PDB file of all heavy atoms in Angstrom:
ATOM      1  N   ALA A   1       1.682  -9.962   4.958  1.00  0.00           N
ATOM      2  CA  ALA A   1       1.493  -9.867   3.540  1.00  0.00           C
ATOM      3  C   ALA A   1       0.034  -9.980   3.124  1.00  0.00           C
ATOM      4  O   ALA A   1      -0.492  -9.201   2.366  1.00  0.00           O
ATOM      5  CB  ALA A   1       2.441 -10.906   2.807  1.00  0.00           C
ATOM      6  N   LEU A   2      -0.615 -11.031   3.715  1.00  0.00           N
ATOM      7  CA  LEU A   2      -2.094 -11.215   3.384  1.00  0.00           C
ATOM      8  C   LEU A   2      -2.903 -10.028   3.928  1.00  0.00           C
ATOM      9  O   LEU A   2      -3.826  -9.633   3.188  1.00  0.00           O
ATOM     10  CB  LEU A   2      -2.588 -12.513   3.887  1.00  0.00           C
ATOM     11  CG  LEU A   2      -2.096 -13.753   3.143  1.00  0.00           C
ATOM     12  CD1 LEU A   2      -2.600 -14.996   3.980  1.00  0.00           C
ATOM     13  CD2 LEU A   2      -2.679 -13.794   1.855  1.00  0.00           C
ATOM     14  N   GLY A   3      -2.472  -9.572   5.060  1.00  0.00           N
ATOM     15  CA  GLY A   3      -3.276  -8.402   5.606  1.00  0.00           C
ATOM     16  C   GLY A   3      -3.033  -7.165   4.791  1.00  0.00           C
ATOM     17  O   GLY A   3      -4.049  -6.412   4.524  1.00  0.00           O
ATOM     18  N   THR A   4      -1.891  -6.994   4.240  1.00  0.00           N
ATOM     19  CA  THR A   4      -1.571  -5.797   3.371  1.00  0.00           C
ATOM     20  C   THR A   4      -2.364  -5.922   2.162  1.00  0.00           C
ATOM     21  O   THR A   4      -2.921  -5.018   1.610  1.00  0.00           O
ATOM     22  CB  THR A   4      -0.068  -5.800   3.117  1.00  0.00           C
ATOM     23  OG1 THR A   4       0.626  -5.659   4.369  1.00  0.00           O
ATOM     24  CG2 THR A   4       0.325  -4.580   2.185  1.00  0.00           C
ATOM     25  N   TYR A   5      -2.372  -7.159   1.506  1.00  0.00           N
ATOM     26  CA  TYR A   5      -3.131  -7.473   0.367  1.00  0.00           C
ATOM     27  C   TYR A   5      -4.630  -7.141   0.490  1.00  0.00           C
ATOM     28  O   TYR A   5      -5.247  -6.370  -0.179  1.00  0.00           O
ATOM     29  CB  TYR A   5      -2.952  -8.852  -0.064  1.00  0.00           C
ATOM     30  CG  TYR A   5      -3.987  -9.321  -1.167  1.00  0.00           C
ATOM     31  CD1 TYR A   5      -3.683  -9.008  -2.459  1.00  0.00           C
ATOM     32  CD2 TYR A   5      -5.054 -10.032  -0.765  1.00  0.00           C
ATOM     33  CE1 TYR A   5      -4.606  -9.380  -3.400  1.00  0.00           C
ATOM     34  CE2 TYR A   5      -5.945 -10.432  -1.772  1.00  0.00           C
ATOM     35  CZ  TYR A   5      -5.615 -10.120  -3.069  1.00  0.00           C
ATOM     36  OH  TYR A   5      -6.646 -10.522  -4.043  1.00  0.00           O
ATOM     37  N   ALA A   6      -5.184  -7.611   1.594  1.00  0.00           N
ATOM     38  CA  ALA A   6      -6.607  -7.364   1.922  1.00  0.00           C
ATOM     39  C   ALA A   6      -6.875  -5.890   2.138  1.00  0.00           C
ATOM     40  O   ALA A   6      -7.946  -5.444   1.634  1.00  0.00           O
ATOM     41  CB  ALA A   6      -7.042  -8.122   3.153  1.00  0.00           C
ATOM     42  N   LEU A   7      -6.065  -5.186   2.795  1.00  0.00           N
ATOM     43  CA  LEU A   7      -6.217  -3.815   2.997  1.00  0.00           C
ATOM     44  C   LEU A   7      -6.192  -3.006   1.732  1.00  0.00           C
ATOM     45  O   LEU A   7      -7.096  -2.161   1.458  1.00  0.00           O
ATOM     46  CB  LEU A   7      -5.185  -3.212   3.924  1.00  0.00           C
ATOM     47  CG  LEU A   7      -5.151  -1.765   4.189  1.00  0.00           C
ATOM     48  CD1 LEU A   7      -6.531  -1.278   4.906  1.00  0.00           C
ATOM     49  CD2 LEU A   7      -3.998  -1.401   5.147  1.00  0.00           C
ATOM     50  N   CYS A   8      -5.256  -3.389   0.834  1.00  0.00           N
ATOM     51  CA  CYS A   8      -5.135  -2.647  -0.446  1.00  0.00           C
ATOM     52  C   CYS A   8      -6.461  -2.975  -1.267  1.00  0.00           C
ATOM     53  O   CYS A   8      -6.903  -2.011  -1.930  1.00  0.00           O
ATOM     54  CB  CYS A   8      -3.940  -3.150  -1.168  1.00  0.00           C
ATOM     55  SG  CYS A   8      -2.454  -2.331  -0.527  1.00  0.00           S
ATOM     56  N   VAL A   9      -6.926  -4.134  -1.330  1.00  0.00           N
ATOM     57  CA  VAL A   9      -8.153  -4.456  -2.081  1.00  0.00           C
ATOM     58  C   VAL A   9      -9.321  -3.721  -1.601  1.00  0.00           C
ATOM     59  O   VAL A   9     -10.165  -3.101  -2.270  1.00  0.00           O
ATOM     60  CB  VAL A   9      -8.402  -6.039  -2.115  1.00  0.00           C
ATOM     61  CG1 VAL A   9      -9.708  -6.293  -2.676  1.00  0.00           C
ATOM     62  CG2 VAL A   9      -7.288  -6.741  -2.896  1.00  0.00           C
ATOM     63  N   ALA A  10      -9.432  -3.708  -0.184  1.00  0.00           N
ATOM     64  CA  ALA A  10     -10.576  -3.097   0.433  1.00  0.00           C
ATOM     65  C   ALA A  10     -10.539  -1.539   0.149  1.00  0.00           C
ATOM     66  O   ALA A  10     -11.637  -0.899  -0.181  1.00  0.00           O
ATOM     67  CB  ALA A  10     -10.677  -3.258   1.892  1.00  0.00           C
ATOM     68  N   LEU A  11      -9.331  -0.955   0.244  1.00  0.00           N
ATOM     69  CA  LEU A  11      -9.228   0.493  -0.029  1.00  0.00           C
ATOM     70  C   LEU A  11      -9.608   0.753  -1.456  1.00  0.00           C
ATOM     71  O   LEU A  11     -10.250   1.870  -1.772  1.00  0.00           O
ATOM     72  CB  LEU A  11      -7.782   0.921   0.265  1.00  0.00           C
ATOM     73  CG  LEU A  11      -7.449   1.144   1.755  1.00  0.00           C
ATOM     74  CD1 LEU A  11      -5.966   1.353   1.907  1.00  0.00           C
ATOM     75  CD2 LEU A  11      -8.352   2.142   2.437  1.00  0.00           C
ATOM     76  N   ALA A  12      -9.202  -0.064  -2.406  1.00  0.00           N
ATOM     77  CA  ALA A  12      -9.480   0.213  -3.864  1.00  0.00           C
ATOM     78  C   ALA A  12     -10.990   0.096  -4.038  1.00  0.00           C
ATOM     79  O   ALA A  12     -11.546   0.876  -4.826  1.00  0.00           O
ATOM     80  CB  ALA A  12      -8.748  -0.836  -4.742  1.00  0.00           C
ATOM     81  N   CYS A  13     -11.573  -0.932  -3.397  1.00  0.00           N
ATOM     82  CA  CYS A  13     -13.085  -1.028  -3.573  1.00  0.00           C
ATOM     83  C   CYS A  13     -13.873   0.142  -3.044  1.00  0.00           C
ATOM     84  O   CYS A  13     -14.810   0.565  -3.663  1.00  0.00           O
ATOM     85  CB  CYS A  13     -13.567  -2.255  -2.777  1.00  0.00           C
ATOM     86  SG  CYS A  13     -12.965  -3.859  -3.576  1.00  0.00           S
ATOM     87  N   PHE A  14     -13.410   0.759  -1.914  1.00  0.00           N
ATOM     88  CA  PHE A  14     -14.243   1.797  -1.174  1.00  0.00           C
ATOM     89  C   PHE A  14     -13.756   3.187  -1.621  1.00  0.00           C
ATOM     90  O   PHE A  14     -14.450   4.087  -1.502  1.00  0.00           O
ATOM     91  CB  PHE A  14     -14.154   1.587   0.232  1.00  0.00           C
ATOM     92  CG  PHE A  14     -14.903   0.336   0.707  1.00  0.00           C
ATOM     93  CD1 PHE A  14     -14.187  -0.732   1.200  1.00  0.00           C
ATOM     94  CD2 PHE A  14     -16.302   0.203   0.572  1.00  0.00           C
ATOM     95  CE1 PHE A  14     -14.865  -1.897   1.596  1.00  0.00           C
ATOM     96  CE2 PHE A  14     -16.957  -0.889   0.986  1.00  0.00           C
ATOM     97  CZ  PHE A  14     -16.209  -2.039   1.516  1.00  0.00           C
ATOM     98  N   LEU A  15     -12.491   3.328  -2.060  1.00  0.00           N
ATOM     99  CA  LEU A  15     -11.947   4.686  -2.291  1.00  0.00           C
ATOM    100  C   LEU A  15     -11.701   4.991  -3.687  1.00  0.00           C
ATOM    101  O   LEU A  15     -11.124   6.040  -4.035  1.00  0.00           O
ATOM    102  CB  LEU A  15     -10.808   4.928  -1.435  1.00  0.00           C
ATOM    103  CG  LEU A  15     -11.011   4.918   0.059  1.00  0.00           C
ATOM    104  CD1 LEU A  15      -9.619   5.185   0.758  1.00  0.00           C
ATOM    105  CD2 LEU A  15     -11.967   5.943   0.453  1.00  0.00           C
ATOM    106  N   TRP A  16     -11.969   4.183  -4.713  1.00  0.00           N
ATOM    107  CA  TRP A  16     -11.677   4.405  -6.084  1.00  0.00           C
ATOM    108  C   TRP A  16     -12.251   5.719  -6.610  1.00  0.00           C
ATOM    109  O   TRP A  16     -11.749   6.252  -7.564  1.00  0.00           O
ATOM    110  CB  TRP A  16     -12.023   3.197  -6.952  1.00  0.00           C
ATOM    111  CG  TRP A  16     -13.488   2.995  -7.210  1.00  0.00           C
ATOM    112  CD1 TRP A  16     -14.259   2.272  -6.372  1.00  0.00           C
ATOM    113  CD2 TRP A  16     -14.359   3.599  -8.134  1.00  0.00           C
ATOM    114  NE1 TRP A  16     -15.580   2.309  -6.861  1.00  0.00           N
ATOM    115  CE2 TRP A  16     -15.666   3.157  -7.881  1.00  0.00           C
ATOM    116  CE3 TRP A  16     -14.096   4.554  -9.179  1.00  0.00           C
ATOM    117  CZ2 TRP A  16     -16.725   3.514  -8.694  1.00  0.00           C
ATOM    118  CZ3 TRP A  16     -15.215   4.864  -9.970  1.00  0.00           C
ATOM    119  CH2 TRP A  16     -16.448   4.323  -9.725  1.00  0.00           C
ATOM    120  N   THR A  17     -13.348   6.143  -5.983  1.00  0.00           N
ATOM    121  CA  THR A  17     -13.963   7.411  -6.462  1.00  0.00           C
ATOM    122  C   THR A  17     -13.290   8.626  -5.860  1.00  0.00           C
ATOM    123  O   THR A  17     -13.545   9.770  -6.233  1.00  0.00           O
ATOM    124  CB  THR A  17     -15.433   7.493  -6.039  1.00  0.00           C
ATOM    125  OG1 THR A  17     -15.605   7.360  -4.649  1.00  0.00           O
ATOM    126  CG2 THR A  17     -16.245   6.422  -6.796  1.00  0.00           C
ATOM    127  N   ARG A  18     -12.310   8.377  -4.969  1.00  0.00           N
ATOM    128  CA  ARG A  18     -11.586   9.523  -4.339  1.00  0.00           C
ATOM    129  C   ARG A  18     -10.140   9.210  -4.529  1.00  0.00           C
ATOM    130  O   ARG A  18      -9.360   8.809  -3.578  1.00  0.00           O
ATOM    131  CB  ARG A  18     -11.916   9.571  -2.841  1.00  0.00           C
ATOM    132  CG  ARG A  18     -13.406   9.844  -2.697  1.00  0.00           C
ATOM    133  CD  ARG A  18     -13.902  10.039  -1.321  1.00  0.00           C
ATOM    134  NE  ARG A  18     -13.343  11.319  -0.861  1.00  0.00           N
ATOM    135  CZ  ARG A  18     -13.322  11.680   0.437  1.00  0.00           C
ATOM    136  NH1 ARG A  18     -13.748  10.863   1.335  1.00  0.00           N
ATOM    137  NH2 ARG A  18     -12.905  12.845   0.738  1.00  0.00           N
ATOM    138  N   PRO A  19      -9.530   9.401  -5.811  1.00  0.00           N
ATOM    139  CA  PRO A  19      -8.246   8.985  -6.145  1.00  0.00           C
ATOM    140  C   PRO A  19      -7.156   9.651  -5.398  1.00  0.00           C
ATOM    141  O   PRO A  19      -6.005   8.921  -5.037  1.00  0.00           O
ATOM    142  CB  PRO A  19      -8.096   9.291  -7.636  1.00  0.00           C
ATOM    143  CG  PRO A  19      -9.175  10.239  -7.860  1.00  0.00           C
ATOM    144  CD  PRO A  19     -10.216   9.961  -6.943  1.00  0.00           C
ATOM    145  N   ILE A  20      -7.235  10.876  -4.967  1.00  0.00           N
ATOM    146  CA  ILE A  20      -6.171  11.508  -4.086  1.00  0.00           C
ATOM    147  C   ILE A  20      -6.089  10.873  -2.836  1.00  0.00           C
ATOM    148  O   ILE A  20      -5.004  10.599  -2.233  1.00  0.00           O
ATOM    149  CB  ILE A  20      -6.541  13.025  -4.061  1.00  0.00           C
ATOM    150  CG1 ILE A  20      -6.506  13.675  -5.346  1.00  0.00           C
ATOM    151  CG2 ILE A  20      -5.421  13.690  -3.145  1.00  0.00           C
ATOM    152  CD1 ILE A  20      -5.249  13.432  -6.262  1.00  0.00           C
ATOM    153  N   LEU A  21      -7.231  10.561  -2.137  1.00  0.00           N
ATOM    154  CA  LEU A  21      -7.217   9.914  -0.844  1.00  0.00           C
ATOM    155  C   LEU A  21      -6.641   8.500  -0.927  1.00  0.00           C
ATOM    156  O   LEU A  21      -5.857   8.043  -0.129  1.00  0.00           O
ATOM    157  CB  LEU A  21      -8.723   9.881  -0.247  1.00  0.00           C
ATOM    158  CG  LEU A  21      -8.887   9.184   1.068  1.00  0.00           C
ATOM    159  CD1 LEU A  21      -7.999   9.868   2.179  1.00  0.00           C
ATOM    160  CD2 LEU A  21     -10.329   9.225   1.498  1.00  0.00           C
ATOM    161  N   LEU A  22      -7.066   7.812  -2.006  1.00  0.00           N
ATOM    162  CA  LEU A  22      -6.595   6.462  -2.210  1.00  0.00           C
ATOM    163  C   LEU A  22      -5.073   6.433  -2.491  1.00  0.00           C
ATOM    164  O   LEU A  22      -4.377   5.633  -1.861  1.00  0.00           O
ATOM    165  CB  LEU A  22      -7.216   5.809  -3.420  1.00  0.00           C
ATOM    166  CG  LEU A  22      -6.899   4.370  -3.691  1.00  0.00           C
ATOM    167  CD1 LEU A  22      -7.100   3.365  -2.497  1.00  0.00           C
ATOM    168  CD2 LEU A  22      -7.712   3.800  -4.842  1.00  0.00           C
ATOM    169  N   THR A  23      -4.567   7.426  -3.164  1.00  0.00           N
ATOM    170  CA  THR A  23      -3.127   7.594  -3.446  1.00  0.00           C
ATOM    171  C   THR A  23      -2.439   7.833  -2.123  1.00  0.00           C
ATOM    172  O   THR A  23      -1.425   7.194  -1.816  1.00  0.00           O
ATOM    173  CB  THR A  23      -2.810   8.764  -4.428  1.00  0.00           C
ATOM    174  OG1 THR A  23      -3.463   8.467  -5.664  1.00  0.00           O
ATOM    175  CG2 THR A  23      -1.387   8.898  -4.664  1.00  0.00           C
ATOM    176  N   GLY A  24      -3.007   8.663  -1.268  1.00  0.00           N
ATOM    177  CA  GLY A  24      -2.407   9.035  -0.023  1.00  0.00           C
ATOM    178  C   GLY A  24      -2.293   7.690   0.897  1.00  0.00           C
ATOM    179  O   GLY A  24      -1.341   7.421   1.577  1.00  0.00           O
ATOM    180  N   CYS A  25      -3.349   6.896   0.834  1.00  0.00           N
ATOM    181  CA  CYS A  25      -3.390   5.689   1.592  1.00  0.00           C
ATOM    182  C   CYS A  25      -2.323   4.638   1.153  1.00  0.00           C
ATOM    183  O   CYS A  25      -1.610   4.110   1.977  1.00  0.00           O
ATOM    184  CB  CYS A  25      -4.667   5.048   1.579  1.00  0.00           C
ATOM    185  SG  CYS A  25      -6.070   5.835   2.435  1.00  0.00           S
ATOM    186  N   TYR A  26      -2.185   4.610  -0.195  1.00  0.00           N
ATOM    187  CA  TYR A  26      -1.150   3.725  -0.758  1.00  0.00           C
ATOM    188  C   TYR A  26       0.233   4.250  -0.429  1.00  0.00           C
ATOM    189  O   TYR A  26       1.178   3.454  -0.345  1.00  0.00           O
ATOM    190  CB  TYR A  26      -1.457   3.517  -2.235  1.00  0.00           C
ATOM    191  CG  TYR A  26      -2.512   2.522  -2.531  1.00  0.00           C
ATOM    192  CD1 TYR A  26      -3.128   2.468  -3.756  1.00  0.00           C
ATOM    193  CD2 TYR A  26      -3.071   1.687  -1.583  1.00  0.00           C
ATOM    194  CE1 TYR A  26      -4.174   1.720  -4.064  1.00  0.00           C
ATOM    195  CE2 TYR A  26      -4.144   0.720  -1.844  1.00  0.00           C
ATOM    196  CZ  TYR A  26      -4.636   0.865  -3.127  1.00  0.00           C
ATOM    197  OH  TYR A  26      -5.760  -0.030  -3.376  1.00  0.00           O
ATOM    198  N   VAL A  27       0.420   5.548  -0.364  1.00  0.00           N
ATOM    199  CA  VAL A  27       1.771   6.089   0.031  1.00  0.00           C
ATOM    200  C   VAL A  27       2.093   5.632   1.382  1.00  0.00           C
ATOM    201  O   VAL A  27       3.230   5.189   1.744  1.00  0.00           O
ATOM    202  CB  VAL A  27       1.813   7.656  -0.102  1.00  0.00           C
ATOM    203  CG1 VAL A  27       3.005   8.182   0.587  1.00  0.00           C
ATOM    204  CG2 VAL A  27       1.788   8.057  -1.542  1.00  0.00           C
ATOM    205  N   ILE A  28       1.127   5.732   2.310  1.00  0.00           N
ATOM    206  CA  ILE A  28       1.383   5.312   3.724  1.00  0.00           C
ATOM    207  C   ILE A  28       1.593   3.862   3.796  1.00  0.00           C
ATOM    208  O   ILE A  28       2.533   3.441   4.501  1.00  0.00           O
ATOM    209  CB  ILE A  28       0.150   5.732   4.574  1.00  0.00           C
ATOM    210  CG1 ILE A  28      -0.004   7.252   4.711  1.00  0.00           C
ATOM    211  CG2 ILE A  28       0.187   5.063   6.008  1.00  0.00           C
ATOM    212  CD1 ILE A  28      -1.231   7.786   5.212  1.00  0.00           C
ATOM    213  N   ILE A  29       0.842   3.026   3.050  1.00  0.00           N
ATOM    214  CA  ILE A  29       1.042   1.612   3.040  1.00  0.00           C
ATOM    215  C   ILE A  29       2.469   1.315   2.543  1.00  0.00           C
ATOM    216  O   ILE A  29       3.180   0.437   2.995  1.00  0.00           O
ATOM    217  CB  ILE A  29      -0.023   0.904   2.239  1.00  0.00           C
ATOM    218  CG1 ILE A  29      -1.308   0.967   3.031  1.00  0.00           C
ATOM    219  CG2 ILE A  29       0.373  -0.596   2.078  1.00  0.00           C
ATOM    220  CD1 ILE A  29      -2.560   0.474   2.280  1.00  0.00           C
ATOM    221  N   SER A  30       2.827   2.025   1.524  1.00  0.00           N
ATOM    222  CA  SER A  30       4.232   1.706   0.922  1.00  0.00           C
ATOM    223  C   SER A  30       5.268   2.146   1.985  1.00  0.00           C
ATOM    224  O   SER A  30       6.326   1.367   2.049  1.00  0.00           O
ATOM    225  CB  SER A  30       4.416   2.715  -0.396  1.00  0.00           C
ATOM    226  OG  SER A  30       3.555   2.279  -1.397  1.00  0.00           O
ATOM    227  N   ILE A  31       5.080   3.249   2.667  1.00  0.00           N
ATOM    228  CA  ILE A  31       6.056   3.595   3.734  1.00  0.00           C
ATOM    229  C   ILE A  31       6.176   2.441   4.777  1.00  0.00           C
ATOM    230  O   ILE A  31       7.258   2.066   5.178  1.00  0.00           O
ATOM    231  CB  ILE A  31       5.737   4.904   4.329  1.00  0.00           C
ATOM    232  CG1 ILE A  31       5.973   6.029   3.325  1.00  0.00           C
ATOM    233  CG2 ILE A  31       6.569   5.133   5.606  1.00  0.00           C
ATOM    234  CD1 ILE A  31       5.427   7.360   3.736  1.00  0.00           C
ATOM    235  N   PHE A  32       5.014   1.977   5.192  1.00  0.00           N
ATOM    236  CA  PHE A  32       4.973   0.870   6.260  1.00  0.00           C
ATOM    237  C   PHE A  32       5.607  -0.375   5.650  1.00  0.00           C
ATOM    238  O   PHE A  32       6.295  -1.149   6.305  1.00  0.00           O
ATOM    239  CB  PHE A  32       3.702   0.636   6.805  1.00  0.00           C
ATOM    240  CG  PHE A  32       3.250   1.625   7.847  1.00  0.00           C
ATOM    241  CD1 PHE A  32       2.187   2.556   7.573  1.00  0.00           C
ATOM    242  CD2 PHE A  32       3.836   1.726   9.013  1.00  0.00           C
ATOM    243  CE1 PHE A  32       1.891   3.539   8.551  1.00  0.00           C
ATOM    244  CE2 PHE A  32       3.564   2.642  10.014  1.00  0.00           C
ATOM    245  CZ  PHE A  32       2.597   3.574   9.807  1.00  0.00           C
ATOM    246  N   ALA A  33       5.362  -0.639   4.376  1.00  0.00           N
ATOM    247  CA  ALA A  33       5.897  -1.893   3.753  1.00  0.00           C
ATOM    248  C   ALA A  33       7.438  -1.758   3.708  1.00  0.00           C
ATOM    249  O   ALA A  33       8.069  -2.789   3.921  1.00  0.00           O
ATOM    250  CB  ALA A  33       5.333  -1.979   2.319  1.00  0.00           C
ATOM    251  N   PHE A  34       7.965  -0.596   3.430  1.00  0.00           N
ATOM    252  CA  PHE A  34       9.415  -0.394   3.390  1.00  0.00           C
ATOM    253  C   PHE A  34       9.984  -0.572   4.786  1.00  0.00           C
ATOM    254  O   PHE A  34      11.204  -0.857   4.968  1.00  0.00           O
ATOM    255  CB  PHE A  34       9.830   0.855   2.662  1.00  0.00           C
ATOM    256  CG  PHE A  34       9.761   0.842   1.221  1.00  0.00           C
ATOM    257  CD1 PHE A  34       9.158   1.785   0.523  1.00  0.00           C
ATOM    258  CD2 PHE A  34      10.328  -0.335   0.540  1.00  0.00           C
ATOM    259  CE1 PHE A  34       9.107   1.759  -0.869  1.00  0.00           C
ATOM    260  CE2 PHE A  34      10.282  -0.412  -0.866  1.00  0.00           C
ATOM    261  CZ  PHE A  34       9.650   0.690  -1.498  1.00  0.00           C
ATOM    262  N   ILE A  35       9.229  -0.089   5.757  1.00  0.00           N
ATOM    263  CA  ILE A  35       9.734  -0.277   7.179  1.00  0.00           C
ATOM    264  C   ILE A  35       9.800  -1.800   7.459  1.00  0.00           C
ATOM    265  O   ILE A  35      10.771  -2.219   8.140  1.00  0.00           O
ATOM    266  CB  ILE A  35       8.768   0.420   8.147  1.00  0.00           C
ATOM    267  CG1 ILE A  35       8.991   1.943   7.975  1.00  0.00           C
ATOM    268  CG2 ILE A  35       9.068  -0.040   9.620  1.00  0.00           C
ATOM    269  CD1 ILE A  35       7.892   2.743   8.736  1.00  0.00           C
ATOM    270  N   ARG A  36       8.811  -2.500   7.073  1.00  0.00           N
ATOM    271  CA  ARG A  36       8.792  -4.016   7.335  1.00  0.00           C
ATOM    272  C   ARG A  36       9.763  -4.780   6.349  1.00  0.00           C
ATOM    273  O   ARG A  36      10.452  -5.633   6.783  1.00  0.00           O
ATOM    274  CB  ARG A  36       7.300  -4.471   7.125  1.00  0.00           C
ATOM    275  CG  ARG A  36       7.140  -5.936   7.222  1.00  0.00           C
ATOM    276  CD  ARG A  36       7.170  -6.331   8.735  1.00  0.00           C
ATOM    277  NE  ARG A  36       7.054  -7.776   8.893  1.00  0.00           N
ATOM    278  CZ  ARG A  36       7.717  -8.529   9.734  1.00  0.00           C
ATOM    279  NH1 ARG A  36       8.277  -7.914  10.628  1.00  0.00           N
ATOM    280  NH2 ARG A  36       7.474  -9.797   9.704  1.00  0.00           N
ATOM    281  N   TRP A  37       9.734  -4.485   5.062  1.00  0.00           N
ATOM    282  CA  TRP A  37      10.477  -5.152   4.070  1.00  0.00           C
ATOM    283  C   TRP A  37      11.386  -4.119   3.506  1.00  0.00           C
ATOM    284  O   TRP A  37      10.978  -3.248   2.566  1.00  0.00           O
ATOM    285  CB  TRP A  37       9.590  -5.761   2.975  1.00  0.00           C
ATOM    286  CG  TRP A  37       8.563  -6.678   3.485  1.00  0.00           C
ATOM    287  CD1 TRP A  37       8.814  -7.868   4.284  1.00  0.00           C
ATOM    288  CD2 TRP A  37       7.178  -6.678   3.243  1.00  0.00           C
ATOM    289  NE1 TRP A  37       7.645  -8.447   4.559  1.00  0.00           N
ATOM    290  CE2 TRP A  37       6.605  -7.728   3.878  1.00  0.00           C
ATOM    291  CE3 TRP A  37       6.320  -5.848   2.511  1.00  0.00           C
ATOM    292  CZ2 TRP A  37       5.309  -8.067   3.973  1.00  0.00           C
ATOM    293  CZ3 TRP A  37       4.949  -6.171   2.523  1.00  0.00           C
ATOM    294  CH2 TRP A  37       4.415  -7.224   3.124  1.00  0.00           C
ATOM    295  N   HIS A  38      12.708  -4.170   3.797  1.00  0.00           N
ATOM    296  CA  HIS A  38      13.547  -3.083   3.410  1.00  0.00           C
ATOM    297  C   HIS A  38      14.967  -3.573   2.869  1.00  0.00           C
ATOM    298  O   HIS A  38      15.865  -2.884   2.985  1.00  0.00           O
ATOM    299  CB  HIS A  38      13.804  -2.044   4.461  1.00  0.00           C
ATOM    300  CG  HIS A  38      14.215  -2.810   5.748  1.00  0.00           C
ATOM    301  ND1 HIS A  38      13.196  -3.028   6.732  1.00  0.00           N
ATOM    302  CD2 HIS A  38      15.319  -2.961   6.255  1.00  0.00           C
ATOM    303  CE1 HIS A  38      13.847  -3.559   7.751  1.00  0.00           C
ATOM    304  NE2 HIS A  38      15.079  -3.548   7.546  1.00  0.00           N
ATOM    305  N   THR A  39      14.947  -4.757   2.244  1.00  0.00           N
ATOM    306  CA  THR A  39      16.178  -5.217   1.608  1.00  0.00           C
ATOM    307  C   THR A  39      16.381  -4.428   0.308  1.00  0.00           C
ATOM    308  O   THR A  39      15.516  -3.859  -0.240  1.00  0.00           O
ATOM    309  CB  THR A  39      16.147  -6.758   1.459  1.00  0.00           C
ATOM    310  OG1 THR A  39      15.187  -7.029   0.402  1.00  0.00           O
ATOM    311  CG2 THR A  39      15.965  -7.542   2.641  1.00  0.00           C
ATOM    312  N   ALA A  40      17.550  -4.561  -0.201  1.00  0.00           N
ATOM    313  CA  ALA A  40      17.853  -3.991  -1.528  1.00  0.00           C
ATOM    314  C   ALA A  40      16.978  -4.562  -2.570  1.00  0.00           C
ATOM    315  O   ALA A  40      16.458  -3.833  -3.446  1.00  0.00           O
ATOM    316  CB  ALA A  40      19.298  -4.070  -1.850  1.00  0.00           C
ATOM    317  N   SER A  41      16.709  -5.893  -2.469  1.00  0.00           N
ATOM    318  CA  SER A  41      15.869  -6.468  -3.557  1.00  0.00           C
ATOM    319  C   SER A  41      14.451  -6.045  -3.355  1.00  0.00           C
ATOM    320  O   SER A  41      13.708  -5.879  -4.339  1.00  0.00           O
ATOM    321  CB  SER A  41      15.916  -7.996  -3.486  1.00  0.00           C
ATOM    322  OG  SER A  41      15.422  -8.492  -2.297  1.00  0.00           O
ATOM    323  N   ASP A  42      14.022  -5.770  -2.122  1.00  0.00           N
ATOM    324  CA  ASP A  42      12.578  -5.113  -1.933  1.00  0.00           C
ATOM    325  C   ASP A  42      12.487  -3.868  -2.670  1.00  0.00           C
ATOM    326  O   ASP A  42      11.457  -3.602  -3.383  1.00  0.00           O
ATOM    327  CB  ASP A  42      12.295  -5.011  -0.467  1.00  0.00           C
ATOM    328  CG  ASP A  42      12.040  -6.366   0.158  1.00  0.00           C
ATOM    329  OD1 ASP A  42      11.606  -7.337  -0.422  1.00  0.00           O
ATOM    330  OD2 ASP A  42      12.427  -6.409   1.391  1.00  0.00           O
ATOM    331  N   PHE A  43      13.533  -3.019  -2.597  1.00  0.00           N
ATOM    332  CA  PHE A  43      13.395  -1.742  -3.183  1.00  0.00           C
ATOM    333  C   PHE A  43      13.510  -1.909  -4.651  1.00  0.00           C
ATOM    334  O   PHE A  43      12.754  -1.125  -5.424  1.00  0.00           O
ATOM    335  CB  PHE A  43      14.582  -0.775  -2.685  1.00  0.00           C
ATOM    336  CG  PHE A  43      14.308  -0.267  -1.298  1.00  0.00           C
ATOM    337  CD1 PHE A  43      15.204  -0.731  -0.295  1.00  0.00           C
ATOM    338  CD2 PHE A  43      13.449   0.659  -0.984  1.00  0.00           C
ATOM    339  CE1 PHE A  43      14.970  -0.249   0.999  1.00  0.00           C
ATOM    340  CE2 PHE A  43      13.190   1.153   0.292  1.00  0.00           C
ATOM    341  CZ  PHE A  43      14.062   0.695   1.285  1.00  0.00           C
ATOM    342  N   LEU A  44      14.289  -2.702  -5.182  1.00  0.00           N
ATOM    343  CA  LEU A  44      14.408  -2.990  -6.593  1.00  0.00           C
ATOM    344  C   LEU A  44      13.058  -3.514  -7.158  1.00  0.00           C
ATOM    345  O   LEU A  44      12.568  -2.987  -8.195  1.00  0.00           O
ATOM    346  CB  LEU A  44      15.509  -3.872  -6.942  1.00  0.00           C
ATOM    347  CG  LEU A  44      15.737  -4.196  -8.389  1.00  0.00           C
ATOM    348  CD1 LEU A  44      16.059  -2.906  -9.162  1.00  0.00           C
ATOM    349  CD2 LEU A  44      16.868  -5.213  -8.642  1.00  0.00           C
ATOM    350  N   PHE A  45      12.484  -4.494  -6.463  1.00  0.00           N
ATOM    351  CA  PHE A  45      11.180  -5.127  -7.024  1.00  0.00           C
ATOM    352  C   PHE A  45      10.124  -4.034  -6.991  1.00  0.00           C
ATOM    353  O   PHE A  45       9.405  -3.935  -7.962  1.00  0.00           O
ATOM    354  CB  PHE A  45      10.768  -6.214  -6.025  1.00  0.00           C
ATOM    355  CG  PHE A  45      11.360  -7.670  -6.443  1.00  0.00           C
ATOM    356  CD1 PHE A  45      12.741  -7.918  -6.318  1.00  0.00           C
ATOM    357  CD2 PHE A  45      10.489  -8.566  -6.931  1.00  0.00           C
ATOM    358  CE1 PHE A  45      13.207  -9.143  -6.700  1.00  0.00           C
ATOM    359  CE2 PHE A  45      10.960  -9.749  -7.254  1.00  0.00           C
ATOM    360  CZ  PHE A  45      12.373 -10.092  -7.191  1.00  0.00           C
TER     361      PHE A  45
END
């Protein structure tokens, strides 16, 4: 969880000027997050 947080902050800091690339990175992180955390409450949250 802390690694995911750090990665998201770093990506926002370095890629905010490239929103499509940043969006793609967050889509990939979301997919991996759902692979790791995939309970019904995770999807709802």
